[in-house]
Protein backbone atom coordinates (compact mmCIF):
# COMPACT_ATOMS: atom_id res chain seq x y z
CA MET A 1 129.38 61.31 7.60
CA GLN A 2 130.22 64.52 9.15
CA GLN A 3 126.52 65.35 8.86
CA VAL A 4 125.41 62.40 10.41
CA LYS A 5 127.35 63.54 13.23
CA THR A 6 126.65 66.64 13.71
CA LYS A 7 123.16 66.58 13.84
CA GLU A 8 122.89 63.29 16.51
CA ALA A 9 125.35 66.04 18.60
CA GLU A 10 122.63 68.45 18.10
CA GLU A 11 120.31 65.83 19.16
CA GLY A 12 121.53 64.88 21.32
CA ARG A 13 122.31 68.94 22.60
CA MET A 14 118.45 68.90 22.72
CA GLU A 15 117.51 65.71 24.78
CA GLU A 16 120.45 67.07 27.45
CA ASN A 17 118.67 70.59 28.01
CA ASN A 18 114.97 68.71 27.96
CA LEU A 19 115.85 66.76 30.44
CA LEU A 20 116.93 69.61 32.26
CA HIS A 21 113.55 71.23 32.38
CA PHE A 22 112.75 68.25 34.27
CA LEU A 23 115.42 68.22 37.09
CA ASP A 24 115.98 72.11 37.13
CA SER A 25 113.69 73.92 39.67
CA PRO A 26 112.90 77.65 38.92
CA ASN A 27 114.44 77.89 42.82
CA ALA A 28 117.60 75.80 41.69
CA HIS A 29 117.97 77.74 38.51
CA TYR A 30 117.79 80.90 40.98
CA ARG A 31 120.88 79.73 42.66
CA ARG A 32 122.54 78.97 39.48
CA LYS A 33 122.45 82.12 37.56
CA CYS A 34 123.38 84.00 40.17
CA GLU A 35 126.81 81.41 40.76
CA GLU A 36 127.35 81.42 36.75
CA TYR A 37 127.10 85.75 36.74
CA GLY A 38 129.35 86.18 40.26
CA SER A 39 132.15 83.79 38.10
CA ARG A 40 131.50 85.29 34.87
CA SER A 41 132.20 88.62 36.78
CA ARG A 42 135.67 87.28 37.27
CA HIS A 43 136.37 86.58 33.40
CA ASP A 44 136.24 88.97 30.54
CA GLY A 45 133.75 86.19 28.92
CA ASP A 46 130.17 87.64 29.14
CA ALA A 47 128.92 89.43 25.49
CA HIS A 48 126.25 91.10 27.29
CA PHE A 49 127.69 92.69 31.02
CA ASP A 50 131.42 93.35 30.64
CA ALA A 51 133.19 94.20 33.68
CA SER A 52 132.75 97.63 34.06
CA ASP A 53 128.78 96.32 35.22
CA MET A 54 130.42 94.48 38.77
CA ASP A 55 131.56 99.02 39.13
CA LEU A 56 128.77 100.30 39.78
CA ALA A 57 128.57 101.65 43.50
CA ASN A 58 125.56 99.53 44.55
CA ALA A 59 122.96 97.41 44.06
CA SER A 60 120.72 100.36 43.18
CA GLU A 61 122.88 102.17 40.54
CA ARG A 62 123.15 98.55 38.74
CA LEU A 63 119.47 98.29 38.80
CA GLU A 64 119.08 101.65 37.03
CA HIS A 65 121.99 100.32 34.65
CA LEU A 66 120.26 97.30 33.60
CA LEU A 67 117.42 98.77 32.71
CA LYS A 68 118.51 101.36 30.25
CA GLN A 69 119.40 98.35 28.28
CA PRO A 70 117.23 98.50 24.84
CA ALA A 71 115.26 95.51 25.19
CA ASN A 72 114.61 96.21 28.70
CA LYS A 73 112.41 99.22 27.90
CA PHE A 74 110.02 96.72 26.63
CA CYS A 75 108.14 94.00 28.71
CA ALA A 76 109.77 90.71 27.71
CA ASP A 77 106.11 88.71 27.42
CA CYS A 78 103.41 91.44 25.98
CA GLY A 79 105.54 94.68 24.38
CA THR A 80 103.98 97.10 27.13
CA PRO A 81 107.04 99.78 27.49
CA ASP A 82 108.43 100.95 30.31
CA PRO A 83 108.41 97.83 32.77
CA LYS A 84 108.52 98.18 36.13
CA TRP A 85 108.22 94.63 37.50
CA ALA A 86 110.73 91.74 37.34
CA ALA A 87 110.19 87.94 37.38
CA LEU A 88 113.22 85.79 39.05
CA PRO A 89 114.63 83.82 38.50
CA PHE A 90 113.95 84.46 35.03
CA GLY A 91 115.12 87.77 34.89
CA ALA A 92 112.63 89.25 32.91
CA LEU A 93 111.33 92.66 32.99
CA ILE A 94 107.81 92.41 33.15
CA CYS A 95 104.74 95.23 33.02
CA ILE A 96 102.42 95.34 35.76
CA LYS A 97 99.78 92.97 34.21
CA CYS A 98 101.91 90.34 33.39
CA SER A 99 103.36 90.41 36.81
CA GLY A 100 99.68 89.79 37.90
CA THR A 101 99.83 86.35 35.97
CA HIS A 102 103.86 85.65 37.15
CA ARG A 103 102.14 85.90 41.10
CA SER A 104 99.24 83.66 39.65
CA LEU A 105 102.36 80.86 39.41
CA GLY A 106 103.34 81.01 42.85
CA VAL A 107 107.00 81.93 44.06
CA HIS A 108 108.36 78.90 44.27
CA ILE A 109 108.49 79.43 40.10
CA SER A 110 108.47 83.22 39.55
CA LYS A 111 109.44 85.49 42.23
CA VAL A 112 108.02 88.70 40.82
CA ILE A 113 109.57 92.60 42.20
CA SER A 114 109.36 95.86 41.88
CA VAL A 115 111.44 97.79 40.06
CA ASN A 116 110.33 101.50 42.66
CA LEU A 117 108.70 99.82 45.20
CA ASP A 118 111.13 97.12 46.35
CA GLU A 119 114.77 97.49 47.97
CA TRP A 120 116.63 95.40 45.64
CA THR A 121 119.38 92.83 47.19
CA ASP A 122 122.87 92.35 45.43
CA GLU A 123 121.77 89.06 44.55
CA GLU A 124 118.50 89.88 43.00
CA VAL A 125 120.10 92.10 40.89
CA ASN A 126 123.07 89.46 39.98
CA CYS A 127 120.01 87.32 39.19
CA LEU A 128 118.75 89.79 36.79
CA ALA A 129 122.48 91.06 35.42
CA GLY A 130 123.19 87.47 34.69
CA SER A 131 119.91 86.57 32.83
CA GLY A 132 121.34 88.99 30.23
CA GLY A 133 117.98 90.90 29.72
CA ASN A 134 114.85 90.69 28.40
CA ALA A 135 116.38 89.42 24.99
CA ARG A 136 118.61 87.03 25.97
CA VAL A 137 115.59 85.49 28.25
CA ASN A 138 113.07 85.29 24.99
CA THR A 139 115.76 84.05 23.02
CA ARG A 140 116.18 80.60 25.83
CA TYR A 141 112.42 80.57 26.40
CA GLU A 142 110.86 81.60 22.61
CA ALA A 143 113.65 80.14 21.06
CA PHE A 144 110.96 77.67 18.71
CA LEU A 145 107.71 79.99 19.00
CA PRO A 146 105.35 78.14 16.65
CA ASP A 147 105.10 80.50 13.19
CA ASN A 148 101.68 80.41 13.96
CA TYR A 149 101.67 81.15 17.32
CA LYS A 150 100.68 85.03 18.39
CA LYS A 151 102.44 86.34 21.17
CA PRO A 152 99.97 88.65 23.55
CA ARG A 153 99.80 92.66 22.90
CA HIS A 154 99.82 95.13 25.25
CA ASP A 155 96.01 95.35 24.94
CA CYS A 156 95.67 91.59 25.02
CA THR A 157 92.69 89.39 27.06
CA THR A 158 93.76 88.57 30.49
CA GLU A 159 92.68 84.88 29.25
CA GLU A 160 95.46 85.36 26.14
CA ARG A 161 98.52 87.06 28.75
CA SER A 162 97.57 84.08 31.08
CA ASN A 163 97.77 81.35 28.62
CA PHE A 164 101.20 82.42 27.26
CA ILE A 165 103.03 83.46 30.47
CA ARG A 166 102.00 79.87 31.40
CA LYS A 167 103.25 77.80 28.74
CA LYS A 168 106.51 80.11 28.07
CA TYR A 169 107.90 79.73 31.80
CA GLU A 170 105.98 77.33 34.14
CA LEU A 171 105.60 74.19 31.07
CA GLN A 172 108.37 76.18 29.20
CA GLN A 173 106.59 75.10 25.74
CA PHE A 174 108.99 77.07 23.72
CA VAL A 175 112.16 76.28 24.77
CA THR A 176 112.93 73.46 22.87
CA ASP A 177 112.17 71.94 19.14
CA PRO A 178 108.63 69.94 19.53
CA GLN A 179 110.03 67.27 17.76
CA PHE A 180 112.69 66.39 20.38
CA SER A 181 109.75 67.10 23.53
CA CYS A 182 107.34 65.01 24.88
CA PRO A 183 104.81 67.73 26.47
CA LEU A 184 101.99 66.67 29.04
CA ARG A 185 98.92 65.70 27.14
CA VAL A 186 95.84 66.38 29.67
CA ASN A 187 92.93 65.10 27.01
CA THR A 188 93.70 61.63 25.05
CA LYS A 189 91.51 60.58 22.46
CA HIS A 190 92.35 56.45 23.56
CA PRO A 191 94.08 54.79 26.46
CA ALA A 192 96.00 53.12 23.88
CA ASP A 193 97.54 56.27 22.01
CA LYS A 194 98.72 57.97 25.66
CA HIS A 195 100.71 54.39 25.68
CA GLN A 196 102.51 54.57 22.61
CA GLN A 197 103.00 58.35 23.02
CA GLN A 198 105.14 57.41 27.01
CA GLN A 199 106.96 54.40 24.67
CA ASN A 200 107.81 57.23 22.17
CA CYS A 201 109.05 59.34 24.56
CA SER A 202 111.24 56.94 26.92
CA VAL A 203 113.12 55.78 23.70
CA ARG A 204 113.18 59.84 22.86
CA HIS A 205 114.65 61.03 25.80
CA GLY A 206 116.32 58.30 26.86
CA PHE A 207 114.42 59.09 30.18
CA GLY A 208 113.30 54.75 30.42
CA HIS A 209 111.60 53.67 33.81
CA PRO A 210 112.28 56.73 36.20
CA PHE A 211 110.14 59.69 34.13
CA ARG A 212 107.42 56.88 33.64
CA ASN A 213 105.03 57.88 35.79
CA SER A 214 105.68 61.74 35.60
CA TRP A 215 102.77 61.01 32.77
CA ARG A 216 100.26 59.02 34.87
CA ARG A 217 98.01 61.97 35.64
CA LYS A 218 94.71 61.42 38.05
CA ASP A 219 91.79 63.28 37.03
CA THR A 220 92.00 65.13 40.18
CA ASP A 221 95.33 66.66 38.75
CA HIS A 222 93.52 67.73 35.94
CA LYS A 223 91.15 69.41 38.10
CA GLY A 224 93.76 71.48 39.54
CA LEU A 225 95.05 72.42 36.48
CA LYS A 226 92.10 74.04 35.51
CA LYS A 227 91.85 75.71 38.81
CA MET A 228 95.37 77.01 38.59
CA THR A 229 94.61 78.23 35.12
CA ASP A 230 91.63 79.65 36.70
CA VAL A 231 93.47 81.48 39.31
CA GLY A 232 96.19 82.67 36.39
CA MET A 233 93.48 84.25 34.04
CA VAL A 234 91.90 86.80 37.32
CA GLU A 235 92.42 90.45 36.13
CA PHE A 236 94.10 92.46 38.81
CA VAL A 237 93.10 95.95 38.88
CA GLY A 238 96.21 97.34 41.23
CA LEU A 239 98.54 96.13 44.23
CA ILE A 240 97.87 96.74 47.83
CA LYS A 241 101.07 97.19 50.25
CA VAL A 242 100.13 95.86 54.04
CA ASP A 243 102.07 97.26 56.84
CA ILE A 244 101.67 94.33 59.68
CA ARG A 245 102.75 96.82 62.22
CA ARG A 246 101.92 95.46 66.16
CA GLY A 247 99.17 92.99 67.90
CA THR A 248 98.26 94.00 71.18
CA ASN A 249 96.90 92.07 74.24
CA LEU A 250 96.80 88.95 72.08
CA ALA A 251 95.07 85.70 73.67
CA VAL A 252 97.06 83.34 75.55
CA ARG A 253 97.55 80.01 73.65
CA ASP A 254 100.63 78.01 75.43
CA VAL A 255 101.52 77.96 78.81
CA MET A 256 101.86 81.84 79.53
CA SER A 257 102.18 83.43 76.55
CA SER A 258 102.49 82.75 72.78
CA ASP A 259 103.94 82.40 69.36
CA PRO A 260 102.40 84.51 67.23
CA TYR A 261 102.24 85.36 63.14
CA VAL A 262 100.16 87.32 60.81
CA MET A 263 98.64 85.15 57.54
CA LEU A 264 96.84 87.63 55.20
CA ASN A 265 94.67 86.05 52.67
CA LEU A 266 93.38 88.24 49.55
CA GLY A 267 91.71 86.28 46.74
CA HIS A 268 93.76 83.06 46.21
CA GLN A 269 97.09 85.00 47.41
CA SER A 270 97.89 83.70 51.08
CA MET A 271 100.98 85.53 52.41
CA LYS A 272 102.37 85.03 56.24
CA THR A 273 104.85 87.11 59.22
CA ARG A 274 107.83 85.86 60.80
CA VAL A 275 106.68 84.56 63.98
CA ILE A 276 107.52 86.56 67.47
CA LYS A 277 108.42 84.50 70.32
CA ASN A 278 106.69 83.95 73.61
CA THR A 279 104.97 87.69 73.51
CA LEU A 280 101.13 89.06 73.89
CA ASN A 281 102.62 92.23 72.64
CA PRO A 282 104.33 90.98 68.89
CA VAL A 283 105.57 93.98 67.17
CA TRP A 284 106.59 92.57 63.69
CA ASN A 285 107.17 95.96 61.56
CA GLU A 286 106.67 94.05 58.19
CA ARG A 287 105.32 94.53 54.58
CA LEU A 288 103.70 92.25 52.46
CA MET A 289 102.30 93.20 49.54
CA LEU A 290 99.56 91.63 47.27
CA SER A 291 97.75 91.26 43.77
CA ILE A 292 94.13 93.18 44.16
CA PRO A 293 91.98 90.96 42.28
CA HIS A 294 88.54 92.11 39.97
CA PRO A 295 86.11 91.93 41.78
CA VAL A 296 87.53 93.12 44.71
CA PRO A 297 87.21 90.81 47.69
CA PRO A 298 88.03 91.84 51.42
CA LEU A 299 91.44 91.48 53.14
CA LYS A 300 91.30 88.47 55.56
CA LEU A 301 93.88 88.83 58.60
CA GLN A 302 94.26 85.73 60.91
CA VAL A 303 96.62 85.09 63.81
CA PHE A 304 97.87 81.49 64.56
CA ASP A 305 100.18 80.60 67.65
CA LYS A 306 102.50 78.78 66.06
CA ASP A 307 103.06 75.50 67.56
CA THR A 308 105.89 72.62 67.21
CA PHE A 309 104.26 69.23 67.60
CA SER A 310 100.80 69.96 66.81
CA SER A 311 98.91 72.53 64.74
CA ASP A 312 99.38 76.33 64.85
CA ASP A 313 95.92 77.67 67.31
CA ARG A 314 94.32 80.27 66.36
CA MET A 315 94.39 83.69 67.93
CA GLY A 316 91.48 85.80 66.13
CA ASP A 317 91.15 86.90 62.87
CA VAL A 318 89.20 89.71 61.04
CA GLU A 319 88.03 91.29 57.80
CA VAL A 320 89.09 94.37 55.93
CA ASP A 321 86.99 96.35 52.93
CA ILE A 322 89.80 97.68 50.69
CA GLN A 323 87.30 99.02 48.44
CA PRO A 324 87.41 102.61 49.58
CA LEU A 325 91.19 102.92 48.77
CA ILE A 326 90.91 102.15 45.36
CA ALA A 327 88.83 105.07 43.98
CA PRO A 328 91.29 107.52 45.76
CA ALA A 329 94.38 105.69 44.47
CA ARG A 330 92.99 105.90 40.75
CA GLU A 331 91.94 109.59 41.23
CA HIS A 332 95.62 110.45 42.11
CA GLU A 333 97.30 108.03 39.76
CA SER A 334 97.96 110.55 36.76
CA SER A 335 97.80 113.51 38.76
CA ALA A 336 101.38 115.02 40.37
CA ALA A 337 102.68 114.14 43.60
CA VAL A 338 101.46 116.52 46.38
CA ALA A 339 103.96 116.75 49.04
CA GLY A 340 101.96 116.36 52.63
CA SER A 341 98.32 114.79 53.68
CA VAL A 342 94.89 115.55 52.43
CA GLU A 343 92.12 113.59 54.36
CA VAL A 344 90.12 112.31 51.88
CA THR A 345 87.83 110.00 53.68
CA LYS A 346 87.16 109.07 57.48
CA LEU A 347 85.60 105.68 58.62
CA LEU A 348 84.12 105.90 62.63
CA ALA A 349 84.55 103.13 64.94
CA VAL A 350 81.32 101.33 66.55
CA ASP A 351 81.18 99.47 69.78
CA ASP A 352 79.90 96.34 67.91
CA GLY A 353 82.63 96.68 65.09
CA THR A 354 85.99 95.60 63.88
CA LEU A 355 87.26 99.05 64.08
CA ALA A 356 88.71 99.85 67.40
CA ARG A 357 89.52 103.49 66.90
CA ASP A 358 88.70 106.10 64.33
CA SER A 359 90.05 105.36 60.51
CA VAL A 360 91.14 108.27 57.96
CA ILE A 361 91.95 107.41 53.94
CA SER A 362 94.79 109.98 53.48
CA VAL A 363 96.82 111.01 50.30
CA VAL A 364 100.05 111.02 51.71
CA ASP A 365 103.09 112.77 49.56
CA GLY A 366 100.92 111.38 46.80
CA LYS A 367 100.36 107.81 48.18
CA VAL A 368 96.93 106.39 49.32
CA LYS A 369 96.91 105.09 52.78
CA GLN A 370 95.27 103.80 55.70
CA GLU A 371 95.85 103.63 59.14
CA ILE A 372 93.70 101.03 60.95
CA SER A 373 93.64 99.24 64.48
CA LEU A 374 91.37 96.34 64.62
CA ARG A 375 89.71 94.24 66.69
CA LEU A 376 90.08 90.77 66.53
CA GLN A 377 86.97 88.77 66.19
CA ASN A 378 86.42 84.71 67.00
CA VAL A 379 88.81 85.39 69.88
CA GLU A 380 88.38 86.46 73.99
CA HIS A 381 90.34 89.49 73.31
CA GLY A 382 93.32 90.79 70.88
CA GLU A 383 93.83 94.02 68.70
CA LEU A 384 96.15 94.52 65.25
CA GLU A 385 97.71 97.28 64.33
CA ILE A 386 98.40 97.95 60.18
CA GLU A 387 98.71 99.86 57.56
CA LEU A 388 97.26 99.98 54.12
CA GLU A 389 98.58 101.21 50.81
CA CYS A 390 97.03 101.32 47.63
CA VAL A 391 99.23 101.25 44.74
CA PRO A 392 98.05 101.80 41.62
CA LEU A 393 98.66 100.33 37.71
CA SER A 394 101.17 102.71 36.31
CA GLN A 395 103.65 101.92 39.20
């Protein structure tokens, strides 16, 4: 009798855990992790991080302390030594190759932060600390990894890496025991079998009617899923840091002025700056970072005027070839950083080109950078000043 009750209690916990994965979005999980960490810091109940962790002076020192944990010295997903990236809200420390796949999931699922290149906030460090490190992350997200499933290694293919990361974090297929889970099936042999499976799932989880429609996938949904998977399998060759400095003499799109912002596109990735109100000469001084896919596409910049009650107005666009930055970045990847600035190449401005002034690619203190003044195209007038920095894979 006692064994039966124990089994029922265990099934109840598994059922509750599986339901939470339908309800608990990564953003909610992020906030909950930070709150849990703050609560634990006021008590002595954390087995992995004691009160001394909170006594560290600032976020950078606390981050350095976390990186020294034994399990955090290897990528949580492929085992590559010395990971320099973190995936929040999961709190996993990962290598740069795995970070590319995490980025492709979207920031609503996995927010990727560089240990060396980004400035960490206390909240982000709290989230990493609250996760318990790679050991606890893998204990949760690989709890029911099948014995016959081969976890990717550092030299695995891009497809193997992408498939594993999506199953581990986005689909969370290894979190619960398969006998208590009801995975979404893209391909089914027979509609009757699918209907029977839905009924079984409803009984097993006790979801019933509220979640019934979550299994009714249209063909367009399947195509979208395939497209997302294809994006995730893109190979990345590095990172590009884009400093959006300022715009000059932009076009008027409102009554007397505009509310401009810049949209960046590189392959399937998109990011945008904040909106600057009521100006034709905005100063953003904003840094955005994108993964560089292979083959390398042009970096597209579009300027828009933000409107409240209608679609945003176009204020010009321009494309930048970032290929010339990659070769110097690879060349200086393994060499020691040299103080000062060394000119690598010079691009000359022409009357009908996109360069407003000559542009120089330089190695500045070991970093490959390019300052560019761009003429916006498909608009009356306007220029955009940016700085690019190509980050090699080792960083």
